PDB file of N, CA and C in Angstrom:
ATOM      1  N   MET A   1    -107.244 228.647 230.047  1.00  0.00           N
ATOM      2  CA  MET A   1    -106.255 227.795 229.344  1.00  0.00           C
ATOM      3  C   MET A   1    -105.405 226.989 230.297  1.00  0.00           C
ATOM      4  N   ILE A   2    -105.431 225.817 230.269  1.00  0.00           N
ATOM      5  CA  ILE A   2    -104.580 224.925 230.956  1.00  0.00           C
ATOM      6  C   ILE A   2    -103.184 224.673 230.569  1.00  0.00           C
ATOM      7  N   PRO A   3    -102.017 224.945 230.922  1.00  0.00           N
ATOM      8  CA  PRO A   3    -100.835 224.896 230.686  1.00  0.00           C
ATOM      9  C   PRO A   3    -100.699 223.428 229.636  1.00  0.00           C
ATOM     10  N   GLY A   4    -100.424 223.044 228.317  1.00  0.00           N
ATOM     11  CA  GLY A   4    -100.362 221.885 227.774  1.00  0.00           C
ATOM     12  C   GLY A   4    -101.404 221.591 226.685  1.00  0.00           C
ATOM     13  N   ASP A   5    -102.576 222.344 226.641  1.00  0.00           N
ATOM     14  CA  ASP A   5    -103.557 222.120 225.780  1.00  0.00           C
ATOM     15  C   ASP A   5    -103.004 222.257 224.356  1.00  0.00           C
ATOM     16  N   LYS A   6    -103.315 221.414 223.428  1.00  0.00           N
ATOM     17  CA  LYS A   6    -102.895 221.184 222.114  1.00  0.00           C
ATOM     18  C   LYS A   6    -103.834 221.396 220.984  1.00  0.00           C
ATOM     19  N   LEU A   7    -103.281 221.873 219.963  1.00  0.00           N
ATOM     20  CA  LEU A   7    -104.283 221.799 218.816  1.00  0.00           C
ATOM     21  C   LEU A   7    -103.439 221.041 217.507  1.00  0.00           C
ATOM     22  N   ILE A   8    -104.094 220.475 217.051  1.00  0.00           N
ATOM     23  CA  ILE A   8    -103.486 219.363 215.929  1.00  0.00           C
ATOM     24  C   ILE A   8    -104.444 219.653 214.593  1.00  0.00           C
ATOM     25  N   LYS A   9    -103.802 220.125 213.609  1.00  0.00           N
ATOM     26  CA  LYS A   9    -104.106 220.593 212.312  1.00  0.00           C
ATOM     27  C   LYS A   9    -103.286 220.378 211.502  1.00  0.00           C
ATOM     28  N   GLY A  10    -104.068 220.214 209.851  1.00  0.00           N
ATOM     29  CA  GLY A  10    -103.237 220.417 208.709  1.00  0.00           C
ATOM     30  C   GLY A  10    -103.091 218.693 208.454  1.00  0.00           C
ATOM     31  N   SER A  11    -102.865 218.471 206.963  1.00  0.00           N
ATOM     32  CA  SER A  11    -102.496 216.951 206.706  1.00  0.00           C
ATOM     33  C   SER A  11    -101.208 216.854 207.189  1.00  0.00           C
ATOM     34  N   ALA A  12    -100.264 217.448 207.644  1.00  0.00           N
ATOM     35  CA  ALA A  12     -99.026 217.014 208.409  1.00  0.00           C
ATOM     36  C   ALA A  12     -99.160 216.460 209.811  1.00  0.00           C
ATOM     37  N   LYS A  13    -100.516 216.945 210.111  1.00  0.00           N
ATOM     38  CA  LYS A  13    -100.792 216.845 211.872  1.00  0.00           C
ATOM     39  C   LYS A  13     -99.976 217.620 212.472  1.00  0.00           C
ATOM     40  N   ASN A  14     -99.708 218.672 212.454  1.00  0.00           N
ATOM     41  CA  ASN A  14     -98.824 219.301 213.315  1.00  0.00           C
ATOM     42  C   ASN A  14     -99.255 219.283 214.692  1.00  0.00           C
ATOM     43  N   VAL A  15     -98.921 219.557 215.801  1.00  0.00           N
ATOM     44  CA  VAL A  15     -99.427 219.426 217.071  1.00  0.00           C
ATOM     45  C   VAL A  15     -98.298 221.051 217.597  1.00  0.00           C
ATOM     46  N   ILE A  16     -99.242 222.062 217.900  1.00  0.00           N
ATOM     47  CA  ILE A  16     -98.796 223.121 218.343  1.00  0.00           C
ATOM     48  C   ILE A  16     -99.875 223.434 219.853  1.00  0.00           C
ATOM     49  N   ASP A  17     -99.104 224.391 220.721  1.00  0.00           N
ATOM     50  CA  ASP A  17     -99.655 224.856 221.492  1.00  0.00           C
ATOM     51  C   ASP A  17    -100.766 226.191 221.089  1.00  0.00           C
ATOM     52  N   GLY A  18    -102.141 226.136 221.325  1.00  0.00           N
ATOM     53  CA  GLY A  18    -103.180 227.016 220.775  1.00  0.00           C
ATOM     54  C   GLY A  18    -102.712 227.753 219.481  1.00  0.00           C
ATOM     55  N   PRO A  19    -103.272 228.413 219.163  1.00  0.00           N
ATOM     56  CA  PRO A  19    -104.388 229.273 219.459  1.00  0.00           C
ATOM     57  C   PRO A  19    -105.715 228.402 219.291  1.00  0.00           C
ATOM     58  N   TYR A  20    -106.938 228.745 220.271  1.00  0.00           N
ATOM     59  CA  TYR A  20    -107.879 227.929 220.252  1.00  0.00           C
ATOM     60  C   TYR A  20    -109.210 228.640 219.648  1.00  0.00           C
ATOM     61  N   THR A  21    -110.268 227.725 219.377  1.00  0.00           N
ATOM     62  CA  THR A  21    -111.329 228.515 218.989  1.00  0.00           C
ATOM     63  C   THR A  21    -111.851 229.590 219.356  1.00  0.00           C
ATOM     64  N   GLU A  22    -112.429 230.451 218.844  1.00  0.00           N
ATOM     65  CA  GLU A  22    -112.732 231.700 219.293  1.00  0.00           C
ATOM     66  C   GLU A  22    -114.539 231.552 219.726  1.00  0.00           C
ATOM     67  N   GLY A  23    -115.129 232.207 220.319  1.00  0.00           N
ATOM     68  CA  GLY A  23    -116.660 231.964 220.341  1.00  0.00           C
ATOM     69  C   GLY A  23    -117.502 232.381 219.322  1.00  0.00           C
ATOM     70  N   LYS A  24    -116.858 232.903 218.218  1.00  0.00           N
ATOM     71  CA  LYS A  24    -117.898 233.185 216.912  1.00  0.00           C
ATOM     72  C   LYS A  24    -117.620 231.724 215.992  1.00  0.00           C
ATOM     73  N   GLU A  25    -116.625 231.004 216.164  1.00  0.00           N
ATOM     74  CA  GLU A  25    -116.319 229.962 215.419  1.00  0.00           C
ATOM     75  C   GLU A  25    -117.456 228.668 215.656  1.00  0.00           C
ATOM     76  N   ILE A  26    -117.528 227.765 214.791  1.00  0.00           N
ATOM     77  CA  ILE A  26    -118.297 226.339 215.148  1.00  0.00           C
ATOM     78  C   ILE A  26    -117.697 225.386 215.936  1.00  0.00           C
ATOM     79  N   VAL A  27    -118.285 224.697 217.029  1.00  0.00           N
ATOM     80  CA  VAL A  27    -117.520 223.630 217.630  1.00  0.00           C
ATOM     81  C   VAL A  27    -118.322 222.562 216.920  1.00  0.00           C
ATOM     82  N   GLY A  28    -118.035 221.523 216.038  1.00  0.00           N
ATOM     83  CA  GLY A  28    -118.731 220.507 215.446  1.00  0.00           C
ATOM     84  C   GLY A  28    -118.936 219.286 216.470  1.00  0.00           C
ATOM     85  N   GLY A  29    -118.410 219.176 217.714  1.00  0.00           N
ATOM     86  CA  GLY A  29    -118.620 218.155 218.695  1.00  0.00           C
ATOM     87  C   GLY A  29    -117.620 217.844 219.452  1.00  0.00           C
ATOM     88  N   TYR A  30    -117.762 217.065 220.375  1.00  0.00           N
ATOM     89  CA  TYR A  30    -116.416 216.900 221.304  1.00  0.00           C
ATOM     90  C   TYR A  30    -116.620 215.439 221.813  1.00  0.00           C
ATOM     91  N   PHE A  31    -115.548 214.660 222.117  1.00  0.00           N
ATOM     92  CA  PHE A  31    -115.239 213.506 222.727  1.00  0.00           C
ATOM     93  C   PHE A  31    -114.782 213.702 224.296  1.00  0.00           C
ATOM     94  N   ILE A  32    -115.059 212.877 225.118  1.00  0.00           N
ATOM     95  CA  ILE A  32    -114.300 212.971 226.468  1.00  0.00           C
ATOM     96  C   ILE A  32    -113.722 211.454 226.343  1.00  0.00           C
ATOM     97  N   ILE A  33    -112.266 211.459 226.632  1.00  0.00           N
ATOM     98  CA  ILE A  33    -111.538 210.442 226.556  1.00  0.00           C
ATOM     99  C   ILE A  33    -110.672 210.206 227.835  1.00  0.00           C
ATOM    100  N   GLU A  34    -110.015 209.073 228.077  1.00  0.00           N
ATOM    101  CA  GLU A  34    -109.449 208.855 229.273  1.00  0.00           C
ATOM    102  C   GLU A  34    -108.135 208.452 228.700  1.00  0.00           C
ATOM    103  N   ALA A  35    -107.093 209.115 229.413  1.00  0.00           N
ATOM    104  CA  ALA A  35    -105.818 209.272 228.738  1.00  0.00           C
ATOM    105  C   ALA A  35    -104.593 209.416 229.929  1.00  0.00           C
ATOM    106  N   ALA A  36    -103.327 208.820 229.348  1.00  0.00           N
ATOM    107  CA  ALA A  36    -102.306 208.646 230.871  1.00  0.00           C
ATOM    108  C   ALA A  36    -101.834 210.465 230.697  1.00  0.00           C
ATOM    109  N   ASP A  37    -101.837 211.099 229.621  1.00  0.00           N
ATOM    110  CA  ASP A  37    -101.172 212.327 229.325  1.00  0.00           C
ATOM    111  C   ASP A  37    -101.275 212.964 227.923  1.00  0.00           C
ATOM    112  N   TYR A  38    -100.913 214.121 227.835  1.00  0.00           N
ATOM    113  CA  TYR A  38    -101.448 214.585 226.417  1.00  0.00           C
ATOM    114  C   TYR A  38    -100.937 213.943 225.284  1.00  0.00           C
ATOM    115  N   ASN A  39     -99.876 213.122 225.344  1.00  0.00           N
ATOM    116  CA  ASN A  39     -99.197 212.684 224.313  1.00  0.00           C
ATOM    117  C   ASN A  39    -100.438 211.319 223.955  1.00  0.00           C
ATOM    118  N   GLU A  40    -100.550 210.611 224.682  1.00  0.00           N
ATOM    119  CA  GLU A  40    -101.524 209.606 224.907  1.00  0.00           C
ATOM    120  C   GLU A  40    -102.697 210.431 224.028  1.00  0.00           C
ATOM    121  N   ALA A  41    -103.597 211.307 224.397  1.00  0.00           N
ATOM    122  CA  ALA A  41    -104.746 212.132 223.944  1.00  0.00           C
ATOM    123  C   ALA A  41    -104.487 212.249 222.647  1.00  0.00           C
ATOM    124  N   VAL A  42    -103.005 213.096 222.019  1.00  0.00           N
ATOM    125  CA  VAL A  42    -102.986 213.443 220.930  1.00  0.00           C
ATOM    126  C   VAL A  42    -103.029 212.122 219.762  1.00  0.00           C
ATOM    127  N   ALA A  43    -102.036 211.159 220.326  1.00  0.00           N
ATOM    128  CA  ALA A  43    -102.078 210.220 219.566  1.00  0.00           C
ATOM    129  C   ALA A  43    -103.533 209.317 219.119  1.00  0.00           C
ATOM    130  N   TRP A  44    -104.592 209.574 220.032  1.00  0.00           N
ATOM    131  CA  TRP A  44    -106.251 209.382 220.011  1.00  0.00           C
ATOM    132  C   TRP A  44    -106.786 210.230 218.678  1.00  0.00           C
ATOM    133  N   CYS A  45    -106.172 211.389 218.033  1.00  0.00           N
ATOM    134  CA  CYS A  45    -106.522 212.321 217.262  1.00  0.00           C
ATOM    135  C   CYS A  45    -105.852 211.718 215.651  1.00  0.00           C
ATOM    136  N   GLU A  46    -105.156 210.937 215.896  1.00  0.00           N
ATOM    137  CA  GLU A  46    -104.379 210.453 214.599  1.00  0.00           C
ATOM    138  C   GLU A  46    -105.444 210.056 213.255  1.00  0.00           C
ATOM    139  N   ASP A  47    -106.286 209.502 213.552  1.00  0.00           N
ATOM    140  CA  ASP A  47    -107.225 209.167 212.447  1.00  0.00           C
ATOM    141  C   ASP A  47    -108.003 210.176 211.991  1.00  0.00           C
ATOM    142  N   TYR A  48    -108.217 211.334 212.590  1.00  0.00           N
ATOM    143  CA  TYR A  48    -109.449 212.167 212.544  1.00  0.00           C
ATOM    144  C   TYR A  48    -109.598 212.512 210.694  1.00  0.00           C
ATOM    145  N   PRO A  49    -110.302 212.346 210.094  1.00  0.00           N
ATOM    146  CA  PRO A  49    -110.338 212.317 208.769  1.00  0.00           C
ATOM    147  C   PRO A  49    -110.438 213.633 208.101  1.00  0.00           C
ATOM    148  N   ASP A  50    -110.710 214.569 208.680  1.00  0.00           N
ATOM    149  CA  ASP A  50    -110.648 216.053 208.116  1.00  0.00           C
ATOM    150  C   ASP A  50    -109.514 216.862 208.172  1.00  0.00           C
ATOM    151  N   TYR A  51    -108.429 216.586 208.598  1.00  0.00           N
ATOM    152  CA  TYR A  51    -107.136 217.067 208.550  1.00  0.00           C
ATOM    153  C   TYR A  51    -106.975 217.979 206.892  1.00  0.00           C
ATOM    154  N   GLU A  52    -107.149 216.756 205.942  1.00  0.00           N
ATOM    155  CA  GLU A  52    -107.093 217.678 204.500  1.00  0.00           C
ATOM    156  C   GLU A  52    -107.670 218.337 204.216  1.00  0.00           C
ATOM    157  N   GLN A  53    -108.669 218.648 204.763  1.00  0.00           N
ATOM    158  CA  GLN A  53    -109.930 219.444 204.417  1.00  0.00           C
ATOM    159  C   GLN A  53    -109.913 220.690 205.165  1.00  0.00           C
ATOM    160  N   GLY A  54    -108.564 221.116 205.815  1.00  0.00           N
ATOM    161  CA  GLY A  54    -108.326 222.045 207.021  1.00  0.00           C
ATOM    162  C   GLY A  54    -109.049 222.047 208.201  1.00  0.00           C
ATOM    163  N   GLY A  55    -109.873 221.062 208.700  1.00  0.00           N
ATOM    164  CA  GLY A  55    -109.846 220.555 210.019  1.00  0.00           C
ATOM    165  C   GLY A  55    -108.934 220.453 211.221  1.00  0.00           C
ATOM    166  N   CYS A  56    -109.615 220.763 212.245  1.00  0.00           N
ATOM    167  CA  CYS A  56    -108.761 220.411 213.393  1.00  0.00           C
ATOM    168  C   CYS A  56    -109.200 220.030 214.610  1.00  0.00           C
ATOM    169  N   VAL A  57    -108.218 219.505 215.449  1.00  0.00           N
ATOM    170  CA  VAL A  57    -108.640 218.794 216.688  1.00  0.00           C
ATOM    171  C   VAL A  57    -108.189 219.505 218.028  1.00  0.00           C
ATOM    172  N   GLN A  58    -108.771 220.258 219.015  1.00  0.00           N
ATOM    173  CA  GLN A  58    -108.118 220.574 220.106  1.00  0.00           C
ATOM    174  C   GLN A  58    -108.376 219.653 221.171  1.00  0.00           C
ATOM    175  N   VAL A  59    -106.959 219.501 221.947  1.00  0.00           N
ATOM    176  CA  VAL A  59    -106.829 218.599 222.998  1.00  0.00           C
ATOM    177  C   VAL A  59    -106.803 219.218 224.286  1.00  0.00           C
ATOM    178  N   ARG A  60    -107.772 219.376 225.418  1.00  0.00           N
ATOM    179  CA  ARG A  60    -107.867 220.117 226.218  1.00  0.00           C
ATOM    180  C   ARG A  60    -108.110 219.164 227.418  1.00  0.00           C
ATOM    181  N   GLN A  61    -107.352 219.582 228.736  1.00  0.00           N
ATOM    182  CA  GLN A  61    -107.895 218.810 229.971  1.00  0.00           C
ATOM    183  C   GLN A  61    -109.028 219.195 230.795  1.00  0.00           C
ATOM    184  N   VAL A  62    -109.795 218.385 230.867  1.00  0.00           N
ATOM    185  CA  VAL A  62    -111.040 218.656 231.434  1.00  0.00           C
ATOM    186  C   VAL A  62    -110.933 218.582 233.045  1.00  0.00           C
ATOM    187  N   MET A  63    -110.323 217.506 233.515  1.00  0.00           N
ATOM    188  CA  MET A  63    -110.451 217.177 235.028  1.00  0.00           C
ATOM    189  C   MET A  63    -109.045 216.344 234.788  1.00  0.00           C
ATOM    190  N   LYS A  64    -108.393 216.439 236.052  1.00  0.00           N
ATOM    191  CA  LYS A  64    -107.344 215.582 236.384  1.00  0.00           C
ATOM    192  C   LYS A  64    -107.932 214.902 237.738  1.00  0.00           C
ATOM    193  N   ILE A  65    -107.623 213.590 237.328  1.00  0.00           N
ATOM    194  CA  ILE A  65    -107.914 212.699 238.832  1.00  0.00           C
ATOM    195  C   ILE A  65    -106.716 212.116 239.394  1.00  0.00           C
ATOM    196  N   ASP A  66    -106.168 212.438 240.260  1.00  0.00           N
ATOM    197  CA  ASP A  66    -105.031 211.725 240.631  1.00  0.00           C
ATOM    198  C   ASP A  66    -105.609 210.266 241.807  1.00  0.00           C
ATOM    199  N   MET A  67    -104.584 209.476 241.322  1.00  0.00           N
ATOM    200  CA  MET A  67    -105.191 208.190 241.995  1.00  0.00           C
ATOM    201  C   MET A  67    -104.095 207.518 242.610  1.00  0.00           C
TER     202      MET A  67
END
């Protein structure tokens, strides 16, 4: 786990640090986006349609590129 990883869930779209999906749970897919920081990446998740049905989104850093 990289410090700063976020979990967004619930109809209130609460943003928390972890817990993350266990191996036995299903991952429905993933997107790789380019964002300046975690706040921008979390903002991308605002329109996810399944929060009302108990869905959640995990935001994780895959690669950090210093330019």
